[in-house]
């Protein structure tokens, strides 16, 4: 069993017995950020009210920057380059754009584990397990959220971020989620200080020499998600 698989098992967030599968939705077209916020907000309210099932929504955004609740103005290096959206998720500045898989995760933790820190750890474990499918060792860091890969070709201490996490909860229902770099334009990240971290870079699967399509990676993400969070149902 790989370290990634051990992490996934230790971070299990399986639902209580009898819960319906998590709905799994993939949008083929680019989705505007404000549209995504509105859809998430409406879905979360319906989950809270018991009128809708849990949902994972996979999509890509047009190029944009988001500023989380801890964002610092100085970390927005190029404020006029792309639209900037202030958002209620945790974290600092992030970039979203084509070639990056965003997964908005709307789960009811009352049916799982009411532990926010453990939930973030479970999201990291999900991404680490997905990376292991490509024989890439993703790692977590105690002092910064997200998933990192070592870059010994660039120096003994060099490492790059391949996936970001930013979540919000409302009455124990989660929203926002993860962004996983498949093949985004990495130069677009230079308009911000990603997550407020200056000493490390950003990478992607294609940058690491893994020529995978978005659809292929979606299949990997789904398989590894189910090991930690339970069964899914395609919409």
C-alpha atoms as a PDB file:
ATOM      1  CA  UNK A   1       0.000   0.000   0.000  1.00  0.00           C
ATOM      2  CA  UNK A   2       1.410   3.398  -1.012  1.00  0.00           C
ATOM      3  CA  UNK A   3       1.728   6.359   1.384  1.00  0.00           C
ATOM      4  CA  UNK A   4      -1.050   8.042  -0.598  1.00  0.00           C
ATOM      5  CA  UNK A   5      -3.378   5.111  -0.044  1.00  0.00           C
ATOM      6  CA  UNK A   6      -2.598   5.030   3.665  1.00  0.00           C
ATOM      7  CA  UNK A   7      -3.393   8.743   3.871  1.00  0.00           C
ATOM      8  CA  UNK A   8      -6.695   8.180   2.090  1.00  0.00           C
ATOM      9  CA  UNK A   9      -7.765   5.400   4.410  1.00  0.00           C
ATOM     10  CA  UNK A  10      -6.864   7.354   7.529  1.00  0.00           C
ATOM     11  CA  UNK A  11      -8.883  10.306   6.251  1.00  0.00           C
ATOM     12  CA  UNK A  12     -12.086   8.376   5.550  1.00  0.00           C
ATOM     13  CA  UNK A  13     -15.200  10.548   5.427  1.00  0.00           C
ATOM     14  CA  UNK A  14     -17.706   7.881   4.455  1.00  0.00           C
ATOM     15  CA  UNK A  15     -21.358   8.858   4.971  1.00  0.00           C
ATOM     16  CA  UNK A  16     -23.704   7.287   7.476  1.00  0.00           C
ATOM     17  CA  UNK A  17     -25.463   4.103   6.413  1.00  0.00           C
ATOM     18  CA  UNK A  18     -28.385   4.678   4.079  1.00  0.00           C
ATOM     19  CA  UNK A  19     -27.180   7.998   2.666  1.00  0.00           C
ATOM     20  CA  UNK A  20     -27.757   8.449  -1.092  1.00  0.00           C
ATOM     21  CA  UNK A  21     -24.739   8.602  -3.421  1.00  0.00           C
ATOM     22  CA  UNK A  22     -22.991  11.909  -3.952  1.00  0.00           C
ATOM     23  CA  UNK A  23     -24.122  13.396  -7.254  1.00  0.00           C
ATOM     24  CA  UNK A  24     -21.218  13.844  -9.687  1.00  0.00           C
ATOM     25  CA  UNK A  25     -21.615  16.624 -12.263  1.00  0.00           C
ATOM     26  CA  UNK A  26     -19.162  17.673 -14.986  1.00  0.00           C
ATOM     27  CA  UNK A  27     -19.627  20.905 -16.949  1.00  0.00           C
ATOM     28  CA  UNK A  28     -18.030  20.818 -20.396  1.00  0.00           C
ATOM     29  CA  UNK A  29     -18.189  24.578 -21.045  1.00  0.00           C
ATOM     30  CA  UNK A  30     -16.345  27.257 -19.097  1.00  0.00           C
ATOM     31  CA  UNK A  31     -18.426  28.461 -16.134  1.00  0.00           C
ATOM     32  CA  UNK A  32     -18.314  32.073 -14.959  1.00  0.00           C
ATOM     33  CA  UNK A  33     -17.298  32.531 -11.353  1.00  0.00           C
ATOM     34  CA  UNK A  34     -20.389  34.463 -10.289  1.00  0.00           C
ATOM     35  CA  UNK A  35     -22.579  31.806 -11.889  1.00  0.00           C
ATOM     36  CA  UNK A  36     -20.746  29.099  -9.963  1.00  0.00           C
ATOM     37  CA  UNK A  37     -21.177  30.984  -6.681  1.00  0.00           C
ATOM     38  CA  UNK A  38     -24.887  31.372  -7.271  1.00  0.00           C
ATOM     39  CA  UNK A  39     -25.376  27.699  -8.143  1.00  0.00           C
ATOM     40  CA  UNK A  40     -23.346  26.584  -5.128  1.00  0.00           C
ATOM     41  CA  UNK A  41     -25.236  28.862  -2.778  1.00  0.00           C
ATOM     42  CA  UNK A  42     -28.599  27.588  -3.989  1.00  0.00           C
ATOM     43  CA  UNK A  43     -27.501  23.948  -3.780  1.00  0.00           C
ATOM     44  CA  UNK A  44     -26.087  24.309  -0.276  1.00  0.00           C
ATOM     45  CA  UNK A  45     -29.350  25.808   0.940  1.00  0.00           C
ATOM     46  CA  UNK A  46     -31.262  22.892  -0.569  1.00  0.00           C
ATOM     47  CA  UNK A  47     -28.908  20.354   1.051  1.00  0.00           C
ATOM     48  CA  UNK A  48     -29.391  22.058   4.425  1.00  0.00           C
ATOM     49  CA  UNK A  49     -33.157  21.917   3.944  1.00  0.00           C
ATOM     50  CA  UNK A  50     -33.039  18.225   3.041  1.00  0.00           C
ATOM     51  CA  UNK A  51     -34.284  18.937  -0.473  1.00  0.00           C
ATOM     52  CA  UNK A  52     -31.169  17.903  -2.451  1.00  0.00           C
ATOM     53  CA  UNK A  53     -28.392  15.337  -2.330  1.00  0.00           C
ATOM     54  CA  UNK A  54     -24.725  16.081  -1.834  1.00  0.00           C
ATOM     55  CA  UNK A  55     -22.880  17.167  -4.964  1.00  0.00           C
ATOM     56  CA  UNK A  56     -19.403  17.359  -6.461  1.00  0.00           C
ATOM     57  CA  UNK A  57     -19.355  19.744  -9.420  1.00  0.00           C
ATOM     58  CA  UNK A  58     -16.344  19.596 -11.755  1.00  0.00           C
ATOM     59  CA  UNK A  59     -15.730  22.537 -14.073  1.00  0.00           C
ATOM     60  CA  UNK A  60     -13.260  24.986 -15.566  1.00  0.00           C
ATOM     61  CA  UNK A  61     -13.414  28.762 -15.204  1.00  0.00           C
ATOM     62  CA  UNK A  62     -12.294  31.437 -17.660  1.00  0.00           C
ATOM     63  CA  UNK A  63      -9.065  33.122 -16.494  1.00  0.00           C
ATOM     64  CA  UNK A  64      -9.631  34.948 -13.199  1.00  0.00           C
ATOM     65  CA  UNK A  65      -8.214  35.565  -9.750  1.00  0.00           C
ATOM     66  CA  UNK A  66     -10.024  34.976  -6.479  1.00  0.00           C
ATOM     67  CA  UNK A  67      -9.277  36.500  -3.085  1.00  0.00           C
ATOM     68  CA  UNK A  68     -10.164  34.469  -0.005  1.00  0.00           C
ATOM     69  CA  UNK A  69     -10.822  35.731   3.491  1.00  0.00           C
ATOM     70  CA  UNK A  70      -7.084  35.934   4.296  1.00  0.00           C
ATOM     71  CA  UNK A  71      -6.010  37.617   1.034  1.00  0.00           C
ATOM     72  CA  UNK A  72      -3.547  40.505   1.238  1.00  0.00           C
ATOM     73  CA  UNK A  73      -3.775  43.335  -1.278  1.00  0.00           C
ATOM     74  CA  UNK A  74      -0.015  43.290  -1.864  1.00  0.00           C
ATOM     75  CA  UNK A  75      -0.252  39.706  -3.141  1.00  0.00           C
ATOM     76  CA  UNK A  76      -2.327  40.837  -6.133  1.00  0.00           C
ATOM     77  CA  UNK A  77       0.588  41.721  -8.392  1.00  0.00           C
ATOM     78  CA  UNK A  78      -1.397  42.420 -11.588  1.00  0.00           C
ATOM     79  CA  UNK A  79      -4.861  43.626 -10.520  1.00  0.00           C
ATOM     80  CA  UNK A  80      -5.881  44.621 -14.059  1.00  0.00           C
ATOM     81  CA  UNK A  81      -4.838  41.416 -15.799  1.00  0.00           C
ATOM     82  CA  UNK A  82      -7.911  39.265 -15.137  1.00  0.00           C
ATOM     83  CA  UNK A  83     -11.160  39.811 -13.217  1.00  0.00           C
ATOM     84  CA  UNK A  84     -10.662  39.610  -9.443  1.00  0.00           C
ATOM     85  CA  UNK A  85     -13.424  38.071  -7.330  1.00  0.00           C
ATOM     86  CA  UNK A  86     -13.660  38.519  -3.575  1.00  0.00           C
ATOM     87  CA  UNK A  87     -15.015  35.325  -2.081  1.00  0.00           C
ATOM     88  CA  UNK A  88     -15.988  33.958   1.306  1.00  0.00           C
ATOM     89  CA  UNK A  89     -13.864  30.817   1.119  1.00  0.00           C
ATOM     90  CA  UNK A  90     -10.819  30.416   3.310  1.00  0.00           C
ATOM     91  CA  UNK A  91      -7.344  31.111   1.984  1.00  0.00           C
ATOM     92  CA  UNK A  92      -5.617  33.872   0.048  1.00  0.00           C
ATOM     93  CA  UNK A  93      -5.267  34.611  -3.680  1.00  0.00           C
ATOM     94  CA  UNK A  94      -5.691  31.876  -6.260  1.00  0.00           C
ATOM     95  CA  UNK A  95      -5.845  31.673 -10.045  1.00  0.00           C
ATOM     96  CA  UNK A  96      -8.487  29.730 -11.969  1.00  0.00           C
ATOM     97  CA  UNK A  97      -8.505  29.161 -15.705  1.00  0.00           C
ATOM     98  CA  UNK A  98      -8.802  26.679 -18.560  1.00  0.00           C
ATOM     99  CA  UNK A  99      -6.787  23.506 -18.056  1.00  0.00           C
ATOM    100  CA  UNK A 100      -7.331  23.575 -14.300  1.00  0.00           C
ATOM    101  CA  UNK A 101      -9.914  21.209 -12.859  1.00  0.00           C
ATOM    102  CA  UNK A 102     -11.991  22.897 -10.204  1.00  0.00           C
ATOM    103  CA  UNK A 103     -14.150  20.620  -8.057  1.00  0.00           C
ATOM    104  CA  UNK A 104     -16.761  22.264  -5.876  1.00  0.00           C
ATOM    105  CA  UNK A 105     -17.511  19.840  -3.061  1.00  0.00           C
ATOM    106  CA  UNK A 106     -20.881  20.157  -1.358  1.00  0.00           C
ATOM    107  CA  UNK A 107     -21.076  17.568   1.414  1.00  0.00           C
ATOM    108  CA  UNK A 108     -23.134  17.417   4.615  1.00  0.00           C
ATOM    109  CA  UNK A 109     -20.615  16.762   7.371  1.00  0.00           C
ATOM    110  CA  UNK A 110     -23.437  15.993   9.812  1.00  0.00           C
ATOM    111  CA  UNK A 111     -23.776  12.736   7.847  1.00  0.00           C
ATOM    112  CA  UNK A 112     -20.010  12.156   8.001  1.00  0.00           C
ATOM    113  CA  UNK A 113     -17.631  13.771  10.530  1.00  0.00           C
ATOM    114  CA  UNK A 114     -18.134  17.215  12.019  1.00  0.00           C
ATOM    115  CA  UNK A 115     -14.444  18.046  11.927  1.00  0.00           C
ATOM    116  CA  UNK A 116     -13.286  20.833   9.606  1.00  0.00           C
ATOM    117  CA  UNK A 117      -9.565  20.151   9.984  1.00  0.00           C
ATOM    118  CA  UNK A 118     -10.082  16.465   9.245  1.00  0.00           C
ATOM    119  CA  UNK A 119     -12.181  17.367   6.202  1.00  0.00           C
ATOM    120  CA  UNK A 120      -9.376  19.500   4.755  1.00  0.00           C
ATOM    121  CA  UNK A 121      -6.993  16.614   5.435  1.00  0.00           C
ATOM    122  CA  UNK A 122      -9.370  14.291   3.577  1.00  0.00           C
ATOM    123  CA  UNK A 123      -9.401  16.595   0.558  1.00  0.00           C
ATOM    124  CA  UNK A 124      -5.606  16.603   0.579  1.00  0.00           C
ATOM    125  CA  UNK A 125      -5.590  12.806   0.843  1.00  0.00           C
ATOM    126  CA  UNK A 126      -7.934  12.589  -2.140  1.00  0.00           C
ATOM    127  CA  UNK A 127      -5.572  14.649  -4.293  1.00  0.00           C
ATOM    128  CA  UNK A 128      -2.487  12.815  -3.055  1.00  0.00           C
ATOM    129  CA  UNK A 129      -4.071   9.482  -3.944  1.00  0.00           C
ATOM    130  CA  UNK A 130      -5.002  10.793  -7.407  1.00  0.00           C
ATOM    131  CA  UNK A 131      -1.410  11.882  -8.023  1.00  0.00           C
ATOM    132  CA  UNK A 132      -0.126   8.457  -7.017  1.00  0.00           C
ATOM    133  CA  UNK A 133      -1.951   7.034 -10.059  1.00  0.00           C
ATOM    134  CA  UNK A 134       0.671   8.866 -12.130  1.00  0.00           C
ATOM    135  CA  UNK A 135       3.515   7.775  -9.828  1.00  0.00           C
ATOM    136  CA  UNK A 136       3.771  11.337  -8.551  1.00  0.00           C
ATOM    137  CA  UNK A 137       4.296  11.708  -4.823  1.00  0.00           C
ATOM    138  CA  UNK A 138       2.109  14.519  -3.574  1.00  0.00           C
ATOM    139  CA  UNK A 139       2.772  15.786  -0.082  1.00  0.00           C
ATOM    140  CA  UNK A 140       0.993  17.913   2.495  1.00  0.00           C
ATOM    141  CA  UNK A 141       2.616  20.562   4.631  1.00  0.00           C
ATOM    142  CA  UNK A 142       1.731  21.418   8.218  1.00  0.00           C
ATOM    143  CA  UNK A 143       2.239  25.145   7.679  1.00  0.00           C
ATOM    144  CA  UNK A 144       0.367  25.547   4.379  1.00  0.00           C
ATOM    145  CA  UNK A 145      -2.759  24.012   2.851  1.00  0.00           C
ATOM    146  CA  UNK A 146      -2.688  22.256  -0.502  1.00  0.00           C
ATOM    147  CA  UNK A 147      -0.707  19.515  -2.180  1.00  0.00           C
ATOM    148  CA  UNK A 148       2.957  19.857  -3.099  1.00  0.00           C
ATOM    149  CA  UNK A 149       5.488  17.974  -5.210  1.00  0.00           C
ATOM    150  CA  UNK A 150       9.236  18.054  -4.755  1.00  0.00           C
ATOM    151  CA  UNK A 151      11.319  19.332  -7.707  1.00  0.00           C
ATOM    152  CA  UNK A 152      14.835  17.971  -7.177  1.00  0.00           C
ATOM    153  CA  UNK A 153      15.682  19.015 -10.741  1.00  0.00           C
ATOM    154  CA  UNK A 154      15.449  22.610  -9.526  1.00  0.00           C
ATOM    155  CA  UNK A 155      17.290  22.221  -6.219  1.00  0.00           C
ATOM    156  CA  UNK A 156      17.333  20.150  -3.062  1.00  0.00           C
ATOM    157  CA  UNK A 157      14.631  22.214  -1.345  1.00  0.00           C
ATOM    158  CA  UNK A 158      12.560  23.132  -4.390  1.00  0.00           C
ATOM    159  CA  UNK A 159       8.893  22.196  -4.490  1.00  0.00           C
ATOM    160  CA  UNK A 160       5.832  23.330  -6.411  1.00  0.00           C
ATOM    161  CA  UNK A 161       2.139  23.444  -5.625  1.00  0.00           C
ATOM    162  CA  UNK A 162      -0.050  21.318  -7.874  1.00  0.00           C
ATOM    163  CA  UNK A 163      -3.399  21.649  -6.104  1.00  0.00           C
ATOM    164  CA  UNK A 164      -5.068  24.272  -3.917  1.00  0.00           C
ATOM    165  CA  UNK A 165      -7.846  23.925  -1.348  1.00  0.00           C
ATOM    166  CA  UNK A 166     -10.257  26.577  -0.122  1.00  0.00           C
ATOM    167  CA  UNK A 167     -13.493  25.727   1.642  1.00  0.00           C
ATOM    168  CA  UNK A 168     -16.413  27.289   3.437  1.00  0.00           C
ATOM    169  CA  UNK A 169     -19.113  25.731   5.623  1.00  0.00           C
ATOM    170  CA  UNK A 170     -22.705  26.665   6.255  1.00  0.00           C
ATOM    171  CA  UNK A 171     -24.513  24.673   8.944  1.00  0.00           C
ATOM    172  CA  UNK A 172     -21.955  21.891   8.424  1.00  0.00           C
ATOM    173  CA  UNK A 173     -22.505  21.736   4.663  1.00  0.00           C
ATOM    174  CA  UNK A 174     -19.286  22.350   2.726  1.00  0.00           C
ATOM    175  CA  UNK A 175     -18.802  24.356  -0.437  1.00  0.00           C
ATOM    176  CA  UNK A 176     -16.023  25.722  -2.612  1.00  0.00           C
ATOM    177  CA  UNK A 177     -13.385  22.965  -2.732  1.00  0.00           C
ATOM    178  CA  UNK A 178     -10.233  22.160  -4.717  1.00  0.00           C
ATOM    179  CA  UNK A 179      -8.378  23.234  -7.843  1.00  0.00           C
ATOM    180  CA  UNK A 180      -6.075  20.705  -9.512  1.00  0.00           C
ATOM    181  CA  UNK A 181      -3.615  21.780 -12.193  1.00  0.00           C
ATOM    182  CA  UNK A 182      -3.875  19.502 -15.216  1.00  0.00           C
ATOM    183  CA  UNK A 183      -2.693  21.813 -18.013  1.00  0.00           C
ATOM    184  CA  UNK A 184      -3.340  25.466 -17.147  1.00  0.00           C
ATOM    185  CA  UNK A 185      -1.227  28.331 -18.441  1.00  0.00           C
ATOM    186  CA  UNK A 186       1.252  28.486 -15.550  1.00  0.00           C
ATOM    187  CA  UNK A 187       2.412  31.980 -16.532  1.00  0.00           C
ATOM    188  CA  UNK A 188      -1.031  33.250 -15.479  1.00  0.00           C
ATOM    189  CA  UNK A 189      -0.119  32.514 -11.851  1.00  0.00           C
ATOM    190  CA  UNK A 190       2.492  35.296 -11.983  1.00  0.00           C
ATOM    191  CA  UNK A 191      -0.230  37.920 -11.558  1.00  0.00           C
ATOM    192  CA  UNK A 192      -0.609  36.944  -7.903  1.00  0.00           C
ATOM    193  CA  UNK A 193       1.424  35.528  -5.056  1.00  0.00           C
ATOM    194  CA  UNK A 194      -0.373  32.159  -4.981  1.00  0.00           C
ATOM    195  CA  UNK A 195      -1.718  31.548  -1.474  1.00  0.00           C
ATOM    196  CA  UNK A 196       0.714  34.171  -0.176  1.00  0.00           C
ATOM    197  CA  UNK A 197       3.739  31.913  -0.704  1.00  0.00           C
ATOM    198  CA  UNK A 198       6.730  33.436  -2.494  1.00  0.00           C
ATOM    199  CA  UNK A 199       9.417  30.800  -1.934  1.00  0.00           C
ATOM    200  CA  UNK A 200       7.797  28.011  -3.970  1.00  0.00           C
ATOM    201  CA  UNK A 201       6.344  27.682  -7.455  1.00  0.00           C
ATOM    202  CA  UNK A 202       3.347  26.182  -9.209  1.00  0.00           C
ATOM    203  CA  UNK A 203       3.231  23.113 -11.449  1.00  0.00           C
ATOM    204  CA  UNK A 204       0.782  20.891 -13.311  1.00  0.00           C
ATOM    205  CA  UNK A 205       0.506  17.312 -14.525  1.00  0.00           C
ATOM    206  CA  UNK A 206       1.607  18.303 -18.025  1.00  0.00           C
ATOM    207  CA  UNK A 207       4.478  20.384 -16.625  1.00  0.00           C
ATOM    208  CA  UNK A 208       5.613  17.230 -14.794  1.00  0.00           C
ATOM    209  CA  UNK A 209       5.581  15.268 -18.044  1.00  0.00           C
ATOM    210  CA  UNK A 210       2.179  13.556 -17.645  1.00  0.00           C
ATOM    211  CA  UNK A 211       0.219  14.032 -20.923  1.00  0.00           C
ATOM    212  CA  UNK A 212      -3.241  13.343 -19.485  1.00  0.00           C
ATOM    213  CA  UNK A 213      -6.567  14.694 -20.726  1.00  0.00           C
ATOM    214  CA  UNK A 214      -9.086  16.370 -18.463  1.00  0.00           C
ATOM    215  CA  UNK A 215     -11.518  13.476 -18.975  1.00  0.00           C
ATOM    216  CA  UNK A 216      -8.882  10.901 -18.049  1.00  0.00           C
ATOM    217  CA  UNK A 217      -7.986  12.819 -14.919  1.00  0.00           C
ATOM    218  CA  UNK A 218     -11.655  13.173 -13.995  1.00  0.00           C
ATOM    219  CA  UNK A 219     -11.922   9.379 -13.952  1.00  0.00           C
ATOM    220  CA  UNK A 220      -8.948   9.168 -11.601  1.00  0.00           C
ATOM    221  CA  UNK A 221     -10.396  11.855  -9.330  1.00  0.00           C
ATOM    222  CA  UNK A 222     -13.737  10.074  -9.155  1.00  0.00           C
ATOM    223  CA  UNK A 223     -12.250   6.687  -8.315  1.00  0.00           C
ATOM    224  CA  UNK A 224     -10.121   8.112  -5.522  1.00  0.00           C
ATOM    225  CA  UNK A 225     -12.937  10.311  -4.213  1.00  0.00           C
ATOM    226  CA  UNK A 226     -15.156   7.258  -3.735  1.00  0.00           C
ATOM    227  CA  UNK A 227     -12.519   5.519  -1.597  1.00  0.00           C
ATOM    228  CA  UNK A 228     -12.665   8.360   0.939  1.00  0.00           C
ATOM    229  CA  UNK A 229     -16.149   9.858   0.612  1.00  0.00           C
ATOM    230  CA  UNK A 230     -18.289   6.997  -0.688  1.00  0.00           C
ATOM    231  CA  UNK A 231     -20.196   6.193  -3.892  1.00  0.00           C
ATOM    232  CA  UNK A 232     -21.113   8.738  -6.537  1.00  0.00           C
ATOM    233  CA  UNK A 233     -23.884   8.993  -9.133  1.00  0.00           C
ATOM    234  CA  UNK A 234     -23.390  10.654 -12.530  1.00  0.00           C
ATOM    235  CA  UNK A 235     -25.795  13.428 -13.510  1.00  0.00           C
END
